[in-house]
PDB file of all heavy atoms in Angstrom:
ATOM      1  N   SER A   1      14.792   3.188 -10.687  1.00  0.00           N
ATOM      2  CA  SER A   1      14.581   3.861 -12.043  1.00  0.00           C
ATOM      3  C   SER A   1      15.662   4.877 -12.313  1.00  0.00           C
ATOM      4  O   SER A   1      16.222   4.857 -13.406  1.00  0.00           O
ATOM      5  CB  SER A   1      13.162   4.466 -12.091  1.00  0.00           C
ATOM      6  OG  SER A   1      13.025   5.217 -13.239  1.00  0.00           O
ATOM      7  N   ASN A   2      15.895   5.762 -11.391  1.00  0.00           N
ATOM      8  CA  ASN A   2      16.837   6.857 -11.557  1.00  0.00           C
ATOM      9  C   ASN A   2      18.234   6.320 -11.931  1.00  0.00           C
ATOM     10  O   ASN A   2      19.013   6.867 -12.703  1.00  0.00           O
ATOM     11  CB  ASN A   2      16.931   7.746 -10.373  1.00  0.00           C
ATOM     12  CG  ASN A   2      15.730   8.661 -10.284  1.00  0.00           C
ATOM     13  OD1 ASN A   2      14.926   8.764 -11.237  1.00  0.00           O
ATOM     14  ND2 ASN A   2      15.493   9.211  -9.063  1.00  0.00           N
ATOM     15  N   HIS A   3      18.624   5.238 -11.304  1.00  0.00           N
ATOM     16  CA  HIS A   3      20.033   4.755 -11.389  1.00  0.00           C
ATOM     17  C   HIS A   3      20.198   3.637 -12.349  1.00  0.00           C
ATOM     18  O   HIS A   3      21.355   3.373 -12.843  1.00  0.00           O
ATOM     19  CB  HIS A   3      20.577   4.437 -10.030  1.00  0.00           C
ATOM     20  CG  HIS A   3      20.757   5.628  -9.158  1.00  0.00           C
ATOM     21  ND1 HIS A   3      21.892   6.399  -9.080  1.00  0.00           N
ATOM     22  CD2 HIS A   3      19.908   6.305  -8.407  1.00  0.00           C
ATOM     23  CE1 HIS A   3      21.792   7.426  -8.343  1.00  0.00           C
ATOM     24  NE2 HIS A   3      20.496   7.411  -7.876  1.00  0.00           N
ATOM     25  N   ALA A   4      19.135   2.910 -12.769  1.00  0.00           N
ATOM     26  CA  ALA A   4      19.175   1.952 -13.815  1.00  0.00           C
ATOM     27  C   ALA A   4      18.967   2.566 -15.157  1.00  0.00           C
ATOM     28  O   ALA A   4      19.277   1.999 -16.209  1.00  0.00           O
ATOM     29  CB  ALA A   4      18.182   0.789 -13.590  1.00  0.00           C
ATOM     30  N   GLY A   5      18.415   3.778 -15.128  1.00  0.00           N
ATOM     31  CA  GLY A   5      18.121   4.539 -16.411  1.00  0.00           C
ATOM     32  C   GLY A   5      16.944   3.901 -17.166  1.00  0.00           C
ATOM     33  O   GLY A   5      16.984   3.718 -18.322  1.00  0.00           O
ATOM     34  N   VAL A   6      15.865   3.589 -16.405  1.00  0.00           N
ATOM     35  CA  VAL A   6      14.736   2.974 -16.970  1.00  0.00           C
ATOM     36  C   VAL A   6      13.488   3.785 -16.836  1.00  0.00           C
ATOM     37  O   VAL A   6      13.347   4.507 -15.846  1.00  0.00           O
ATOM     38  CB  VAL A   6      14.446   1.537 -16.423  1.00  0.00           C
ATOM     39  CG1 VAL A   6      15.681   0.624 -16.630  1.00  0.00           C
ATOM     40  CG2 VAL A   6      14.055   1.559 -14.997  1.00  0.00           C
ATOM     41  N   SER A   7      12.527   3.636 -17.711  1.00  0.00           N
ATOM     42  CA  SER A   7      11.225   4.216 -17.563  1.00  0.00           C
ATOM     43  C   SER A   7      10.357   3.038 -17.001  1.00  0.00           C
ATOM     44  O   SER A   7      10.333   1.954 -17.559  1.00  0.00           O
ATOM     45  CB  SER A   7      10.643   4.665 -18.895  1.00  0.00           C
ATOM     46  OG  SER A   7       9.299   5.095 -18.776  1.00  0.00           O
ATOM     47  N   LEU A   8       9.679   3.339 -15.877  1.00  0.00           N
ATOM     48  CA  LEU A   8       8.984   2.255 -15.255  1.00  0.00           C
ATOM     49  C   LEU A   8       7.510   2.672 -14.799  1.00  0.00           C
ATOM     50  O   LEU A   8       7.342   3.701 -14.209  1.00  0.00           O
ATOM     51  CB  LEU A   8       9.782   1.990 -13.868  1.00  0.00           C
ATOM     52  CG  LEU A   8       9.354   0.837 -12.998  1.00  0.00           C
ATOM     53  CD1 LEU A   8       9.340  -0.462 -13.738  1.00  0.00           C
ATOM     54  CD2 LEU A   8      10.297   0.771 -11.737  1.00  0.00           C
ATOM     55  N   HIS A   9       6.568   1.882 -15.333  1.00  0.00           N
ATOM     56  CA  HIS A   9       5.178   2.168 -15.020  1.00  0.00           C
ATOM     57  C   HIS A   9       4.586   1.044 -14.136  1.00  0.00           C
ATOM     58  O   HIS A   9       4.743  -0.145 -14.495  1.00  0.00           O
ATOM     59  CB  HIS A   9       4.354   2.233 -16.316  1.00  0.00           C
ATOM     60  CG  HIS A   9       4.680   3.403 -17.116  1.00  0.00           C
ATOM     61  ND1 HIS A   9       3.780   4.470 -17.279  1.00  0.00           N
ATOM     62  CD2 HIS A   9       5.707   3.680 -17.921  1.00  0.00           C
ATOM     63  CE1 HIS A   9       4.283   5.428 -18.093  1.00  0.00           C
ATOM     64  NE2 HIS A   9       5.476   4.975 -18.482  1.00  0.00           N
ATOM     65  N   ILE A  10       4.077   1.405 -12.974  1.00  0.00           N
ATOM     66  CA  ILE A  10       3.605   0.481 -12.030  1.00  0.00           C
ATOM     67  C   ILE A  10       2.174   0.851 -11.593  1.00  0.00           C
ATOM     68  O   ILE A  10       1.870   1.951 -11.179  1.00  0.00           O
ATOM     69  CB  ILE A  10       4.477   0.472 -10.770  1.00  0.00           C
ATOM     70  CG1 ILE A  10       5.893   0.059 -11.083  1.00  0.00           C
ATOM     71  CG2 ILE A  10       3.882  -0.453  -9.671  1.00  0.00           C
ATOM     72  CD1 ILE A  10       6.838   0.196  -9.842  1.00  0.00           C
ATOM     73  N   ASP A  11       1.245  -0.086 -11.899  1.00  0.00           N
ATOM     74  CA  ASP A  11      -0.080   0.096 -11.535  1.00  0.00           C
ATOM     75  C   ASP A  11      -0.732  -1.095 -10.783  1.00  0.00           C
ATOM     76  O   ASP A  11      -0.568  -2.203 -11.286  1.00  0.00           O
ATOM     77  CB  ASP A  11      -0.939   0.289 -12.836  1.00  0.00           C
ATOM     78  CG  ASP A  11      -0.598   1.560 -13.597  1.00  0.00           C
ATOM     79  OD1 ASP A  11      -0.974   2.671 -13.231  1.00  0.00           O
ATOM     80  OD2 ASP A  11       0.195   1.386 -14.580  1.00  0.00           O
ATOM     81  N   ASN A  12      -1.252  -0.773  -9.621  1.00  0.00           N
ATOM     82  CA  ASN A  12      -2.014  -1.854  -8.924  1.00  0.00           C
ATOM     83  C   ASN A  12      -3.488  -1.660  -9.342  1.00  0.00           C
ATOM     84  O   ASN A  12      -4.121  -0.673  -9.067  1.00  0.00           O
ATOM     85  CB  ASN A  12      -1.868  -1.677  -7.404  1.00  0.00           C
ATOM     86  CG  ASN A  12      -2.751  -2.641  -6.610  1.00  0.00           C
ATOM     87  OD1 ASN A  12      -3.624  -2.195  -5.793  1.00  0.00           O
ATOM     88  ND2 ASN A  12      -2.570  -3.915  -6.820  1.00  0.00           N
ATOM     89  N   LEU A  13      -3.946  -2.603 -10.131  1.00  0.00           N
ATOM     90  CA  LEU A  13      -5.281  -2.526 -10.737  1.00  0.00           C
ATOM     91  C   LEU A  13      -6.392  -2.843  -9.765  1.00  0.00           C
ATOM     92  O   LEU A  13      -7.479  -2.320  -9.923  1.00  0.00           O
ATOM     93  CB  LEU A  13      -5.277  -3.415 -11.971  1.00  0.00           C
ATOM     94  CG  LEU A  13      -4.199  -3.171 -13.061  1.00  0.00           C
ATOM     95  CD1 LEU A  13      -4.302  -4.218 -14.150  1.00  0.00           C
ATOM     96  CD2 LEU A  13      -4.273  -1.781 -13.521  1.00  0.00           C
ATOM     97  N   LYS A  14      -6.144  -3.683  -8.826  1.00  0.00           N
ATOM     98  CA  LYS A  14      -7.092  -3.996  -7.758  1.00  0.00           C
ATOM     99  C   LYS A  14      -6.382  -4.665  -6.598  1.00  0.00           C
ATOM    100  O   LYS A  14      -5.326  -5.200  -6.731  1.00  0.00           O
ATOM    101  CB  LYS A  14      -8.223  -4.874  -8.388  1.00  0.00           C
ATOM    102  CG  LYS A  14      -7.789  -6.186  -8.903  1.00  0.00           C
ATOM    103  CD  LYS A  14      -8.886  -7.058  -9.470  1.00  0.00           C
ATOM    104  CE  LYS A  14      -9.485  -6.425 -10.663  1.00  0.00           C
ATOM    105  NZ  LYS A  14     -10.528  -7.353 -11.278  1.00  0.00           N
ATOM    106  N   GLY A  15      -7.121  -4.642  -5.500  1.00  0.00           N
ATOM    107  CA  GLY A  15      -6.547  -5.288  -4.272  1.00  0.00           C
ATOM    108  C   GLY A  15      -7.066  -4.639  -3.010  1.00  0.00           C
ATOM    109  O   GLY A  15      -7.232  -3.473  -2.932  1.00  0.00           O
ATOM    110  N   HIS A  16      -7.309  -5.528  -2.017  1.00  0.00           N
ATOM    111  CA  HIS A  16      -7.867  -5.067  -0.688  1.00  0.00           C
ATOM    112  C   HIS A  16      -6.836  -5.289   0.424  1.00  0.00           C
ATOM    113  O   HIS A  16      -7.017  -4.683   1.494  1.00  0.00           O
ATOM    114  CB  HIS A  16      -9.173  -5.751  -0.360  1.00  0.00           C
ATOM    115  CG  HIS A  16     -10.232  -5.518  -1.408  1.00  0.00           C
ATOM    116  ND1 HIS A  16     -10.691  -4.250  -1.669  1.00  0.00           N
ATOM    117  CD2 HIS A  16     -10.867  -6.357  -2.249  1.00  0.00           C
ATOM    118  CE1 HIS A  16     -11.627  -4.423  -2.648  1.00  0.00           C
ATOM    119  NE2 HIS A  16     -11.728  -5.652  -2.963  1.00  0.00           N
ATOM    120  N   ASN A  17      -5.857  -6.152   0.167  1.00  0.00           N
ATOM    121  CA  ASN A  17      -4.936  -6.517   1.185  1.00  0.00           C
ATOM    122  C   ASN A  17      -3.515  -5.929   0.788  1.00  0.00           C
ATOM    123  O   ASN A  17      -3.029  -6.253  -0.303  1.00  0.00           O
ATOM    124  CB  ASN A  17      -4.804  -8.049   1.280  1.00  0.00           C
ATOM    125  CG  ASN A  17      -3.819  -8.508   2.371  1.00  0.00           C
ATOM    126  OD1 ASN A  17      -2.595  -8.377   2.090  1.00  0.00           O
ATOM    127  ND2 ASN A  17      -4.289  -9.029   3.442  1.00  0.00           N
ATOM    128  N   ALA A  18      -2.944  -5.092   1.657  1.00  0.00           N
ATOM    129  CA  ALA A  18      -1.719  -4.393   1.267  1.00  0.00           C
ATOM    130  C   ALA A  18      -0.609  -5.397   1.034  1.00  0.00           C
ATOM    131  O   ALA A  18       0.274  -5.115   0.144  1.00  0.00           O
ATOM    132  CB  ALA A  18      -1.348  -3.463   2.393  1.00  0.00           C
ATOM    133  N   HIS A  19      -0.509  -6.468   1.763  1.00  0.00           N
ATOM    134  CA  HIS A  19       0.531  -7.501   1.493  1.00  0.00           C
ATOM    135  C   HIS A  19       0.405  -8.025   0.092  1.00  0.00           C
ATOM    136  O   HIS A  19       1.363  -8.187  -0.641  1.00  0.00           O
ATOM    137  CB  HIS A  19       0.445  -8.622   2.545  1.00  0.00           C
ATOM    138  CG  HIS A  19       1.512  -9.633   2.460  1.00  0.00           C
ATOM    139  ND1 HIS A  19       2.172 -10.009   3.628  1.00  0.00           N
ATOM    140  CD2 HIS A  19       2.028 -10.334   1.466  1.00  0.00           C
ATOM    141  CE1 HIS A  19       3.115 -11.013   3.238  1.00  0.00           C
ATOM    142  NE2 HIS A  19       3.014 -11.170   1.963  1.00  0.00           N
ATOM    143  N   HIS A  20      -0.830  -8.362  -0.291  1.00  0.00           N
ATOM    144  CA  HIS A  20      -1.079  -8.866  -1.647  1.00  0.00           C
ATOM    145  C   HIS A  20      -0.745  -7.766  -2.713  1.00  0.00           C
ATOM    146  O   HIS A  20      -0.177  -8.135  -3.733  1.00  0.00           O
ATOM    147  CB  HIS A  20      -2.528  -9.323  -1.785  1.00  0.00           C
ATOM    148  CG  HIS A  20      -2.886 -10.490  -0.934  1.00  0.00           C
ATOM    149  ND1 HIS A  20      -4.142 -10.939  -0.801  1.00  0.00           N
ATOM    150  CD2 HIS A  20      -2.119 -11.317  -0.198  1.00  0.00           C
ATOM    151  CE1 HIS A  20      -4.251 -11.970  -0.015  1.00  0.00           C
ATOM    152  NE2 HIS A  20      -2.974 -12.268   0.385  1.00  0.00           N
ATOM    153  N   GLN A  21      -1.179  -6.598  -2.454  1.00  0.00           N
ATOM    154  CA  GLN A  21      -0.851  -5.477  -3.410  1.00  0.00           C
ATOM    155  C   GLN A  21       0.621  -5.390  -3.659  1.00  0.00           C
ATOM    156  O   GLN A  21       1.085  -5.358  -4.776  1.00  0.00           O
ATOM    157  CB  GLN A  21      -1.384  -4.167  -2.847  1.00  0.00           C
ATOM    158  CG  GLN A  21      -2.890  -4.011  -2.880  1.00  0.00           C
ATOM    159  CD  GLN A  21      -3.311  -2.706  -2.215  1.00  0.00           C
ATOM    160  OE1 GLN A  21      -3.192  -2.532  -1.020  1.00  0.00           O
ATOM    161  NE2 GLN A  21      -3.780  -1.813  -3.053  1.00  0.00           N
ATOM    162  N   ALA A  22       1.427  -5.334  -2.528  1.00  0.00           N
ATOM    163  CA  ALA A  22       2.886  -5.175  -2.703  1.00  0.00           C
ATOM    164  C   ALA A  22       3.517  -6.375  -3.358  1.00  0.00           C
ATOM    165  O   ALA A  22       4.335  -6.249  -4.244  1.00  0.00           O
ATOM    166  CB  ALA A  22       3.453  -4.936  -1.302  1.00  0.00           C
ATOM    167  N   GLU A  23       3.038  -7.528  -2.999  1.00  0.00           N
ATOM    168  CA  GLU A  23       3.631  -8.766  -3.595  1.00  0.00           C
ATOM    169  C   GLU A  23       3.437  -8.879  -5.074  1.00  0.00           C
ATOM    170  O   GLU A  23       4.315  -9.247  -5.786  1.00  0.00           O
ATOM    171  CB  GLU A  23       3.138 -10.000  -2.861  1.00  0.00           C
ATOM    172  CG  GLU A  23       3.957 -11.247  -3.152  1.00  0.00           C
ATOM    173  CD  GLU A  23       3.798 -12.361  -2.129  1.00  0.00           C
ATOM    174  OE1 GLU A  23       3.536 -12.084  -0.993  1.00  0.00           O
ATOM    175  OE2 GLU A  23       3.997 -13.476  -2.589  1.00  0.00           O
ATOM    176  N   THR A  24       2.188  -8.490  -5.468  1.00  0.00           N
ATOM    177  CA  THR A  24       1.955  -8.542  -6.926  1.00  0.00           C
ATOM    178  C   THR A  24       2.805  -7.503  -7.686  1.00  0.00           C
ATOM    179  O   THR A  24       3.249  -7.747  -8.839  1.00  0.00           O
ATOM    180  CB  THR A  24       0.447  -8.330  -7.263  1.00  0.00           C
ATOM    181  OG1 THR A  24       0.047  -7.011  -6.781  1.00  0.00           O
ATOM    182  CG2 THR A  24      -0.416  -9.397  -6.719  1.00  0.00           C
ATOM    183  N   ILE A  25       3.087  -6.365  -7.084  1.00  0.00           N
ATOM    184  CA  ILE A  25       3.917  -5.370  -7.691  1.00  0.00           C
ATOM    185  C   ILE A  25       5.364  -5.897  -7.868  1.00  0.00           C
ATOM    186  O   ILE A  25       5.937  -5.718  -8.925  1.00  0.00           O
ATOM    187  CB  ILE A  25       3.969  -4.030  -6.816  1.00  0.00           C
ATOM    188  CG1 ILE A  25       2.589  -3.386  -6.999  1.00  0.00           C
ATOM    189  CG2 ILE A  25       5.029  -3.125  -7.281  1.00  0.00           C
ATOM    190  CD1 ILE A  25       2.349  -2.295  -5.904  1.00  0.00           C
ATOM    191  N   PHE A  26       5.879  -6.405  -6.800  1.00  0.00           N
ATOM    192  CA  PHE A  26       7.293  -6.839  -6.827  1.00  0.00           C
ATOM    193  C   PHE A  26       7.467  -8.068  -7.722  1.00  0.00           C
ATOM    194  O   PHE A  26       8.476  -8.238  -8.432  1.00  0.00           O
ATOM    195  CB  PHE A  26       7.840  -7.101  -5.431  1.00  0.00           C
ATOM    196  CG  PHE A  26       8.286  -5.910  -4.728  1.00  0.00           C
ATOM    197  CD1 PHE A  26       7.362  -5.138  -4.019  1.00  0.00           C
ATOM    198  CD2 PHE A  26       9.586  -5.491  -4.748  1.00  0.00           C
ATOM    199  CE1 PHE A  26       7.782  -3.965  -3.322  1.00  0.00           C
ATOM    200  CE2 PHE A  26      10.056  -4.329  -4.041  1.00  0.00           C
ATOM    201  CZ  PHE A  26       9.122  -3.552  -3.377  1.00  0.00           C
ATOM    202  N   LYS A  27       6.499  -8.985  -7.711  1.00  0.00           N
ATOM    203  CA  LYS A  27       6.543 -10.149  -8.631  1.00  0.00           C
ATOM    204  C   LYS A  27       6.435  -9.680 -10.116  1.00  0.00           C
ATOM    205  O   LYS A  27       7.252 -10.162 -10.958  1.00  0.00           O
ATOM    206  CB  LYS A  27       5.439 -11.074  -8.356  1.00  0.00           C
ATOM    207  CG  LYS A  27       5.631 -11.949  -7.065  1.00  0.00           C
ATOM    208  CD  LYS A  27       4.441 -12.874  -6.814  1.00  0.00           C
ATOM    209  CE  LYS A  27       4.704 -13.778  -5.674  1.00  0.00           C
ATOM    210  NZ  LYS A  27       3.508 -14.619  -5.323  1.00  0.00           N
ATOM    211  N   ALA A  28       5.548  -8.799 -10.380  1.00  0.00           N
ATOM    212  CA  ALA A  28       5.373  -8.283 -11.758  1.00  0.00           C
ATOM    213  C   ALA A  28       6.647  -7.522 -12.206  1.00  0.00           C
ATOM    214  O   ALA A  28       7.069  -7.660 -13.388  1.00  0.00           O
ATOM    215  CB  ALA A  28       4.147  -7.383 -11.827  1.00  0.00           C
ATOM    216  N   PHE A  29       7.283  -6.790 -11.263  1.00  0.00           N
ATOM    217  CA  PHE A  29       8.473  -6.102 -11.586  1.00  0.00           C
ATOM    218  C   PHE A  29       9.574  -7.126 -11.963  1.00  0.00           C
ATOM    219  O   PHE A  29      10.240  -6.929 -12.964  1.00  0.00           O
ATOM    220  CB  PHE A  29       8.909  -5.229 -10.423  1.00  0.00           C
ATOM    221  CG  PHE A  29      10.284  -4.637 -10.627  1.00  0.00           C
ATOM    222  CD1 PHE A  29      10.446  -3.590 -11.496  1.00  0.00           C
ATOM    223  CD2 PHE A  29      11.403  -5.064  -9.904  1.00  0.00           C
ATOM    224  CE1 PHE A  29      11.702  -2.986 -11.706  1.00  0.00           C
ATOM    225  CE2 PHE A  29      12.622  -4.500 -10.039  1.00  0.00           C
ATOM    226  CZ  PHE A  29      12.766  -3.448 -10.937  1.00  0.00           C
ATOM    227  N   GLY A  30       9.682  -8.175 -11.180  1.00  0.00           N
ATOM    228  CA  GLY A  30      10.646  -9.218 -11.522  1.00  0.00           C
ATOM    229  C   GLY A  30      10.465  -9.836 -12.838  1.00  0.00           C
ATOM    230  O   GLY A  30      11.399 -10.003 -13.699  1.00  0.00           O
ATOM    231  N   ARG A  31       9.171 -10.168 -13.225  1.00  0.00           N
ATOM    232  CA  ARG A  31       8.873 -10.721 -14.488  1.00  0.00           C
ATOM    233  C   ARG A  31       9.122  -9.771 -15.657  1.00  0.00           C
ATOM    234  O   ARG A  31       9.707 -10.165 -16.670  1.00  0.00           O
ATOM    235  CB  ARG A  31       7.373 -11.181 -14.529  1.00  0.00           C
ATOM    236  CG  ARG A  31       7.079 -12.294 -13.648  1.00  0.00           C
ATOM    237  CD  ARG A  31       7.629 -13.629 -14.070  1.00  0.00           C
ATOM    238  NE  ARG A  31       7.122 -14.056 -15.353  1.00  0.00           N
ATOM    239  CZ  ARG A  31       7.376 -15.180 -15.845  1.00  0.00           C
ATOM    240  NH1 ARG A  31       8.183 -16.140 -15.186  1.00  0.00           N
ATOM    241  NH2 ARG A  31       6.960 -15.602 -16.992  1.00  0.00           N
ATOM    242  N   ALA A  32       8.758  -8.466 -15.448  1.00  0.00           N
ATOM    243  CA  ALA A  32       8.966  -7.468 -16.512  1.00  0.00           C
ATOM    244  C   ALA A  32      10.475  -7.222 -16.751  1.00  0.00           C
ATOM    245  O   ALA A  32      10.929  -7.133 -17.888  1.00  0.00           O
ATOM    246  CB  ALA A  32       8.274  -6.153 -16.166  1.00  0.00           C
ATOM    247  N   LEU A  33      11.222  -7.167 -15.632  1.00  0.00           N
ATOM    248  CA  LEU A  33      12.670  -7.006 -15.705  1.00  0.00           C
ATOM    249  C   LEU A  33      13.265  -8.171 -16.476  1.00  0.00           C
ATOM    250  O   LEU A  33      14.155  -7.953 -17.320  1.00  0.00           O
ATOM    251  CB  LEU A  33      13.199  -6.943 -14.273  1.00  0.00           C
ATOM    252  CG  LEU A  33      14.648  -6.362 -14.063  1.00  0.00           C
ATOM    253  CD1 LEU A  33      14.728  -4.965 -14.590  1.00  0.00           C
ATOM    254  CD2 LEU A  33      14.983  -6.406 -12.607  1.00  0.00           C
TER     255      LEU A  33
END
């Protein structure tokens, strides 16, 4: 964010498995980007 000059909002809305939580974040980031 600091070096691309972007405002970035990331929310994990639900999840019990950390692998799944992280993967949904990175996938959603790719799609939003």
